[in-house]
Amino acid sequence: MHELGLCEAIVDSIEQHAGARRVSAVRVRVGRLLHVHPEAFDQSFALAAAGSVAEDARAELVILPAGGHCRSCGANFESPDDWLVACSECGSVDVELTGGTELILESIEYRG
C-alpha cells in the first residue's frame, strides 16, 4: 500500500508549513498514473497524521488525468484511463508524458 508512504511525505510537508498551527483540512492533487486509491488514501492519511498538527484533519484528494504531447502531430491530449500509449488525434506512439504523475499539496486550512 504505497498510499501510506505518500501520506507520510504529505504530513511531513504539512508540518513544515504549519509549524505549531493545528490543521483542519488539506487538499492534495495527485496524478492518475500514481494509482492512488481514494479509500486507501483516506485511511493512510489518518494513520500518517496521528499525533501531528494534521491529526483529525480532512484530506481532500483530487485525481488529475494523465496527459501527453504528440511529437508527430503536435496535439496535446488527456487520457481517461491509466495508460498513455498513443496520441488520441493521430494514433502515433511517439508521445511525451505531460501529466499524471503529480503529487501536489495544494492547500492547508488551519483551525480557527
N, C-alpha and C. Protein backbone atom coordinates (compact mmCIF):
# COMPACT_ATOMS: atom_id res chain seq x y z
N MET A 1 0.86 -1.18 0.00
CA MET A 1 0.00 0.00 0.00
C MET A 1 0.90 1.24 0.00
N HIS A 2 1.21 1.75 -1.20
CA HIS A 2 2.11 2.90 -1.31
C HIS A 2 1.46 4.19 -0.84
N GLU A 3 0.14 4.19 -0.65
CA GLU A 3 -0.54 5.39 -0.17
C GLU A 3 0.01 5.85 1.18
N LEU A 4 0.39 4.91 2.03
CA LEU A 4 0.92 5.29 3.34
C LEU A 4 2.21 6.09 3.20
N GLY A 5 3.11 5.66 2.34
CA GLY A 5 4.34 6.40 2.11
C GLY A 5 4.08 7.79 1.55
N LEU A 6 3.13 7.89 0.61
CA LEU A 6 2.77 9.21 0.07
C LEU A 6 2.21 10.10 1.17
N CYS A 7 1.33 9.53 1.99
CA CYS A 7 0.71 10.33 3.06
C CYS A 7 1.71 10.75 4.12
N GLU A 8 2.69 9.91 4.40
CA GLU A 8 3.74 10.31 5.35
C GLU A 8 4.52 11.51 4.80
N ALA A 9 4.81 11.49 3.52
CA ALA A 9 5.51 12.62 2.89
C ALA A 9 4.64 13.88 2.91
N ILE A 10 3.35 13.71 2.68
CA ILE A 10 2.43 14.85 2.71
C ILE A 10 2.37 15.44 4.10
N VAL A 11 2.25 14.60 5.12
CA VAL A 11 2.18 15.10 6.51
C VAL A 11 3.50 15.80 6.87
N ASP A 12 4.63 15.28 6.43
CA ASP A 12 5.90 15.97 6.68
C ASP A 12 5.88 17.37 6.09
N SER A 13 5.38 17.50 4.88
CA SER A 13 5.29 18.81 4.23
C SER A 13 4.32 19.72 4.97
N ILE A 14 3.20 19.17 5.40
CA ILE A 14 2.22 19.95 6.18
C ILE A 14 2.89 20.50 7.43
N GLU A 15 3.62 19.65 8.14
CA GLU A 15 4.25 20.09 9.38
C GLU A 15 5.30 21.17 9.13
N GLN A 16 6.02 21.08 8.02
CA GLN A 16 7.00 22.12 7.69
C GLN A 16 6.32 23.46 7.46
N HIS A 17 5.17 23.44 6.79
CA HIS A 17 4.45 24.68 6.50
C HIS A 17 3.67 25.20 7.71
N ALA A 18 3.08 24.30 8.48
CA ALA A 18 2.16 24.70 9.55
C ALA A 18 2.88 25.11 10.83
N GLY A 19 4.06 24.60 11.06
CA GLY A 19 4.71 24.87 12.34
C GLY A 19 3.87 24.26 13.45
N ALA A 20 3.50 25.08 14.42
CA ALA A 20 2.70 24.60 15.55
C ALA A 20 1.20 24.79 15.34
N ARG A 21 0.81 25.41 14.22
CA ARG A 21 -0.62 25.66 13.98
C ARG A 21 -1.33 24.35 13.67
N ARG A 22 -2.50 24.15 14.24
CA ARG A 22 -3.30 22.96 14.01
C ARG A 22 -4.00 23.08 12.66
N VAL A 23 -4.08 21.97 11.95
CA VAL A 23 -4.63 21.92 10.60
C VAL A 23 -6.02 21.29 10.63
N SER A 24 -6.97 21.92 9.92
CA SER A 24 -8.33 21.37 9.86
C SER A 24 -8.60 20.64 8.55
N ALA A 25 -7.93 21.05 7.45
CA ALA A 25 -8.17 20.42 6.16
C ALA A 25 -7.00 20.67 5.22
N VAL A 26 -6.81 19.74 4.30
CA VAL A 26 -5.81 19.89 3.25
C VAL A 26 -6.42 19.43 1.94
N ARG A 27 -5.86 19.93 0.86
CA ARG A 27 -6.25 19.48 -0.48
C ARG A 27 -4.98 19.00 -1.17
N VAL A 28 -5.06 17.77 -1.69
CA VAL A 28 -3.91 17.15 -2.35
C VAL A 28 -4.32 16.77 -3.77
N ARG A 29 -3.49 17.16 -4.74
CA ARG A 29 -3.71 16.81 -6.15
C ARG A 29 -2.70 15.74 -6.51
N VAL A 30 -3.21 14.64 -7.06
CA VAL A 30 -2.34 13.51 -7.39
C VAL A 30 -2.67 13.00 -8.79
N GLY A 31 -1.63 12.71 -9.55
CA GLY A 31 -1.82 12.22 -10.91
C GLY A 31 -2.34 10.79 -10.96
N ARG A 32 -3.18 10.53 -11.93
CA ARG A 32 -3.81 9.22 -12.10
C ARG A 32 -2.79 8.10 -12.24
N LEU A 33 -1.65 8.39 -12.83
CA LEU A 33 -0.65 7.35 -13.07
C LEU A 33 0.05 6.89 -11.79
N LEU A 34 -0.18 7.58 -10.68
CA LEU A 34 0.36 7.13 -9.39
C LEU A 34 -0.53 6.06 -8.76
N HIS A 35 -1.70 5.82 -9.34
CA HIS A 35 -2.60 4.75 -8.91
C HIS A 35 -2.96 4.83 -7.42
N VAL A 36 -3.35 6.02 -6.98
CA VAL A 36 -3.77 6.22 -5.60
C VAL A 36 -5.26 5.91 -5.49
N HIS A 37 -5.60 5.02 -4.57
CA HIS A 37 -7.00 4.65 -4.35
C HIS A 37 -7.56 5.53 -3.23
N PRO A 38 -8.68 6.22 -3.49
CA PRO A 38 -9.22 7.16 -2.50
C PRO A 38 -9.44 6.57 -1.11
N GLU A 39 -9.98 5.37 -1.01
CA GLU A 39 -10.24 4.78 0.31
C GLU A 39 -8.93 4.50 1.04
N ALA A 40 -7.96 3.95 0.32
CA ALA A 40 -6.66 3.68 0.92
C ALA A 40 -5.97 4.98 1.32
N PHE A 41 -6.15 6.02 0.49
CA PHE A 41 -5.57 7.33 0.81
C PHE A 41 -6.16 7.87 2.10
N ASP A 42 -7.49 7.81 2.24
CA ASP A 42 -8.14 8.31 3.46
C ASP A 42 -7.61 7.61 4.71
N GLN A 43 -7.53 6.29 4.66
CA GLN A 43 -7.03 5.52 5.80
C GLN A 43 -5.57 5.84 6.08
N SER A 44 -4.78 5.92 5.03
CA SER A 44 -3.35 6.20 5.18
C SER A 44 -3.10 7.59 5.73
N PHE A 45 -3.90 8.55 5.27
CA PHE A 45 -3.72 9.92 5.77
C PHE A 45 -4.03 9.97 7.26
N ALA A 46 -5.09 9.32 7.69
CA ALA A 46 -5.44 9.30 9.11
C ALA A 46 -4.31 8.68 9.94
N LEU A 47 -3.72 7.60 9.45
CA LEU A 47 -2.60 6.97 10.16
C LEU A 47 -1.38 7.88 10.20
N ALA A 48 -1.03 8.46 9.06
CA ALA A 48 0.16 9.31 8.98
C ALA A 48 0.00 10.59 9.80
N ALA A 49 -1.22 11.10 9.90
CA ALA A 49 -1.47 12.36 10.59
C ALA A 49 -1.61 12.19 12.10
N ALA A 50 -1.81 10.97 12.57
CA ALA A 50 -1.99 10.74 14.01
C ALA A 50 -0.81 11.30 14.79
N GLY A 51 -1.13 12.11 15.80
CA GLY A 51 -0.09 12.70 16.64
C GLY A 51 0.59 13.92 16.05
N SER A 52 0.16 14.36 14.88
CA SER A 52 0.77 15.52 14.23
C SER A 52 -0.20 16.71 14.28
N VAL A 53 0.22 17.84 13.73
CA VAL A 53 -0.65 19.01 13.67
C VAL A 53 -1.84 18.77 12.75
N ALA A 54 -1.76 17.73 11.91
CA ALA A 54 -2.85 17.40 10.98
C ALA A 54 -3.78 16.31 11.50
N GLU A 55 -3.61 15.91 12.76
CA GLU A 55 -4.48 14.87 13.31
C GLU A 55 -5.94 15.32 13.23
N ASP A 56 -6.79 14.44 12.75
CA ASP A 56 -8.23 14.68 12.57
C ASP A 56 -8.54 15.68 11.45
N ALA A 57 -7.56 16.08 10.67
CA ALA A 57 -7.81 16.98 9.55
C ALA A 57 -8.50 16.21 8.42
N ARG A 58 -9.31 16.91 7.67
CA ARG A 58 -9.97 16.35 6.49
C ARG A 58 -9.00 16.50 5.31
N ALA A 59 -8.84 15.41 4.56
CA ALA A 59 -7.95 15.46 3.39
C ALA A 59 -8.78 15.25 2.13
N GLU A 60 -8.79 16.26 1.28
CA GLU A 60 -9.50 16.16 0.01
C GLU A 60 -8.50 15.73 -1.06
N LEU A 61 -8.84 14.66 -1.76
CA LEU A 61 -7.98 14.11 -2.80
C LEU A 61 -8.57 14.46 -4.16
N VAL A 62 -7.76 15.07 -5.01
CA VAL A 62 -8.16 15.41 -6.38
C VAL A 62 -7.28 14.60 -7.33
N ILE A 63 -7.91 13.74 -8.13
CA ILE A 63 -7.17 12.91 -9.08
C ILE A 63 -7.04 13.67 -10.41
N LEU A 64 -5.81 13.85 -10.87
CA LEU A 64 -5.54 14.55 -12.13
C LEU A 64 -5.38 13.54 -13.26
N PRO A 65 -5.84 13.88 -14.45
CA PRO A 65 -5.72 12.95 -15.58
C PRO A 65 -4.28 12.83 -16.08
N ALA A 66 -4.04 11.73 -16.76
CA ALA A 66 -2.76 11.57 -17.47
C ALA A 66 -2.83 12.44 -18.73
N GLY A 67 -1.73 13.05 -19.08
CA GLY A 67 -1.72 13.90 -20.26
C GLY A 67 -0.49 13.63 -21.10
N GLY A 68 -0.61 13.97 -22.37
CA GLY A 68 0.51 13.74 -23.27
C GLY A 68 0.60 14.79 -24.36
N HIS A 69 1.76 14.82 -24.99
CA HIS A 69 2.01 15.67 -26.14
C HIS A 69 2.55 14.78 -27.25
N CYS A 70 1.93 14.86 -28.40
CA CYS A 70 2.33 14.04 -29.54
C CYS A 70 3.46 14.74 -30.29
N ARG A 71 4.56 14.05 -30.43
CA ARG A 71 5.69 14.61 -31.17
C ARG A 71 5.47 14.55 -32.68
N SER A 72 4.53 13.72 -33.12
CA SER A 72 4.26 13.59 -34.56
C SER A 72 3.35 14.69 -35.07
N CYS A 73 2.21 14.90 -34.41
CA CYS A 73 1.25 15.89 -34.92
C CYS A 73 1.15 17.15 -34.07
N GLY A 74 1.77 17.14 -32.89
CA GLY A 74 1.76 18.32 -32.03
C GLY A 74 0.56 18.44 -31.11
N ALA A 75 -0.33 17.47 -31.13
CA ALA A 75 -1.53 17.53 -30.30
C ALA A 75 -1.19 17.34 -28.83
N ASN A 76 -1.92 18.05 -27.97
CA ASN A 76 -1.89 17.83 -26.53
C ASN A 76 -3.19 17.13 -26.18
N PHE A 77 -3.13 16.13 -25.33
CA PHE A 77 -4.33 15.35 -25.03
C PHE A 77 -4.28 14.79 -23.61
N GLU A 78 -5.45 14.38 -23.12
CA GLU A 78 -5.57 13.72 -21.83
C GLU A 78 -6.08 12.31 -22.07
N SER A 79 -5.66 11.40 -21.21
CA SER A 79 -6.10 10.02 -21.29
C SER A 79 -7.11 9.76 -20.19
N PRO A 80 -8.28 9.20 -20.51
CA PRO A 80 -9.30 8.96 -19.50
C PRO A 80 -8.99 7.75 -18.60
N ASP A 81 -7.97 6.97 -18.94
CA ASP A 81 -7.66 5.80 -18.13
C ASP A 81 -6.21 5.85 -17.66
N ASP A 82 -5.71 4.73 -17.17
CA ASP A 82 -4.39 4.68 -16.57
C ASP A 82 -3.25 4.49 -17.55
N TRP A 83 -3.53 4.43 -18.82
CA TRP A 83 -2.48 4.19 -19.80
C TRP A 83 -2.41 5.35 -20.79
N LEU A 84 -1.22 5.74 -21.10
CA LEU A 84 -0.98 6.79 -22.08
C LEU A 84 -0.09 6.16 -23.14
N VAL A 85 -0.73 5.53 -24.14
CA VAL A 85 0.01 4.73 -25.10
C VAL A 85 0.17 5.44 -26.44
N ALA A 86 -0.91 6.01 -26.94
CA ALA A 86 -0.88 6.60 -28.28
C ALA A 86 -1.66 7.91 -28.30
N CYS A 87 -1.31 8.74 -29.25
CA CYS A 87 -1.98 10.02 -29.44
C CYS A 87 -3.44 9.79 -29.78
N SER A 88 -4.31 10.53 -29.13
CA SER A 88 -5.74 10.40 -29.38
C SER A 88 -6.15 11.05 -30.70
N GLU A 89 -5.28 11.87 -31.27
CA GLU A 89 -5.59 12.54 -32.54
C GLU A 89 -5.13 11.74 -33.76
N CYS A 90 -3.86 11.32 -33.75
CA CYS A 90 -3.31 10.66 -34.95
C CYS A 90 -2.92 9.20 -34.74
N GLY A 91 -2.92 8.74 -33.48
CA GLY A 91 -2.58 7.35 -33.19
C GLY A 91 -1.10 7.07 -33.04
N SER A 92 -0.26 8.07 -33.20
CA SER A 92 1.19 7.87 -33.07
C SER A 92 1.54 7.45 -31.64
N VAL A 93 2.57 6.62 -31.53
CA VAL A 93 3.05 6.24 -30.21
C VAL A 93 4.27 7.08 -29.79
N ASP A 94 4.62 8.07 -30.59
CA ASP A 94 5.71 8.99 -30.26
C ASP A 94 5.15 10.12 -29.41
N VAL A 95 4.84 9.79 -28.15
CA VAL A 95 4.21 10.75 -27.24
C VAL A 95 5.10 11.01 -26.03
N GLU A 96 4.98 12.21 -25.52
CA GLU A 96 5.70 12.63 -24.32
C GLU A 96 4.68 12.79 -23.19
N LEU A 97 4.97 12.23 -22.04
CA LEU A 97 4.11 12.35 -20.87
C LEU A 97 4.17 13.77 -20.33
N THR A 98 3.02 14.42 -20.17
CA THR A 98 2.99 15.79 -19.65
C THR A 98 2.18 15.92 -18.37
N GLY A 99 1.54 14.86 -17.93
CA GLY A 99 0.76 14.91 -16.70
C GLY A 99 0.33 13.53 -16.29
N GLY A 100 0.08 13.40 -15.00
CA GLY A 100 -0.41 12.13 -14.48
C GLY A 100 0.45 11.58 -13.36
N THR A 101 1.61 12.22 -13.11
CA THR A 101 2.49 11.75 -12.04
C THR A 101 2.68 12.80 -10.94
N GLU A 102 1.85 13.82 -10.93
CA GLU A 102 1.97 14.90 -9.97
C GLU A 102 1.61 14.44 -8.55
N LEU A 103 2.21 15.09 -7.57
CA LEU A 103 1.82 14.98 -6.17
C LEU A 103 1.99 16.37 -5.59
N ILE A 104 0.87 17.06 -5.38
CA ILE A 104 0.90 18.47 -5.01
C ILE A 104 0.06 18.71 -3.76
N LEU A 105 0.67 19.27 -2.74
CA LEU A 105 -0.07 19.74 -1.57
C LEU A 105 -0.58 21.12 -1.95
N GLU A 106 -1.84 21.18 -2.35
CA GLU A 106 -2.38 22.41 -2.93
C GLU A 106 -2.77 23.44 -1.89
N SER A 107 -3.37 23.00 -0.79
CA SER A 107 -3.80 23.97 0.22
C SER A 107 -3.85 23.36 1.60
N ILE A 108 -3.68 24.23 2.58
CA ILE A 108 -3.77 23.86 4.00
C ILE A 108 -4.70 24.84 4.67
N GLU A 109 -5.70 24.34 5.38
CA GLU A 109 -6.59 25.19 6.17
C GLU A 109 -6.27 24.96 7.65
N TYR A 110 -6.20 26.05 8.40
CA TYR A 110 -5.85 25.97 9.82
C TYR A 110 -7.10 26.10 10.67
N ARG A 111 -7.03 25.52 11.84
CA ARG A 111 -8.15 25.62 12.80
C ARG A 111 -8.22 27.06 13.33
N GLY A 112 -9.43 27.52 13.51
CA GLY A 112 -9.63 28.90 13.96
C GLY A 112 -9.53 29.11 15.42
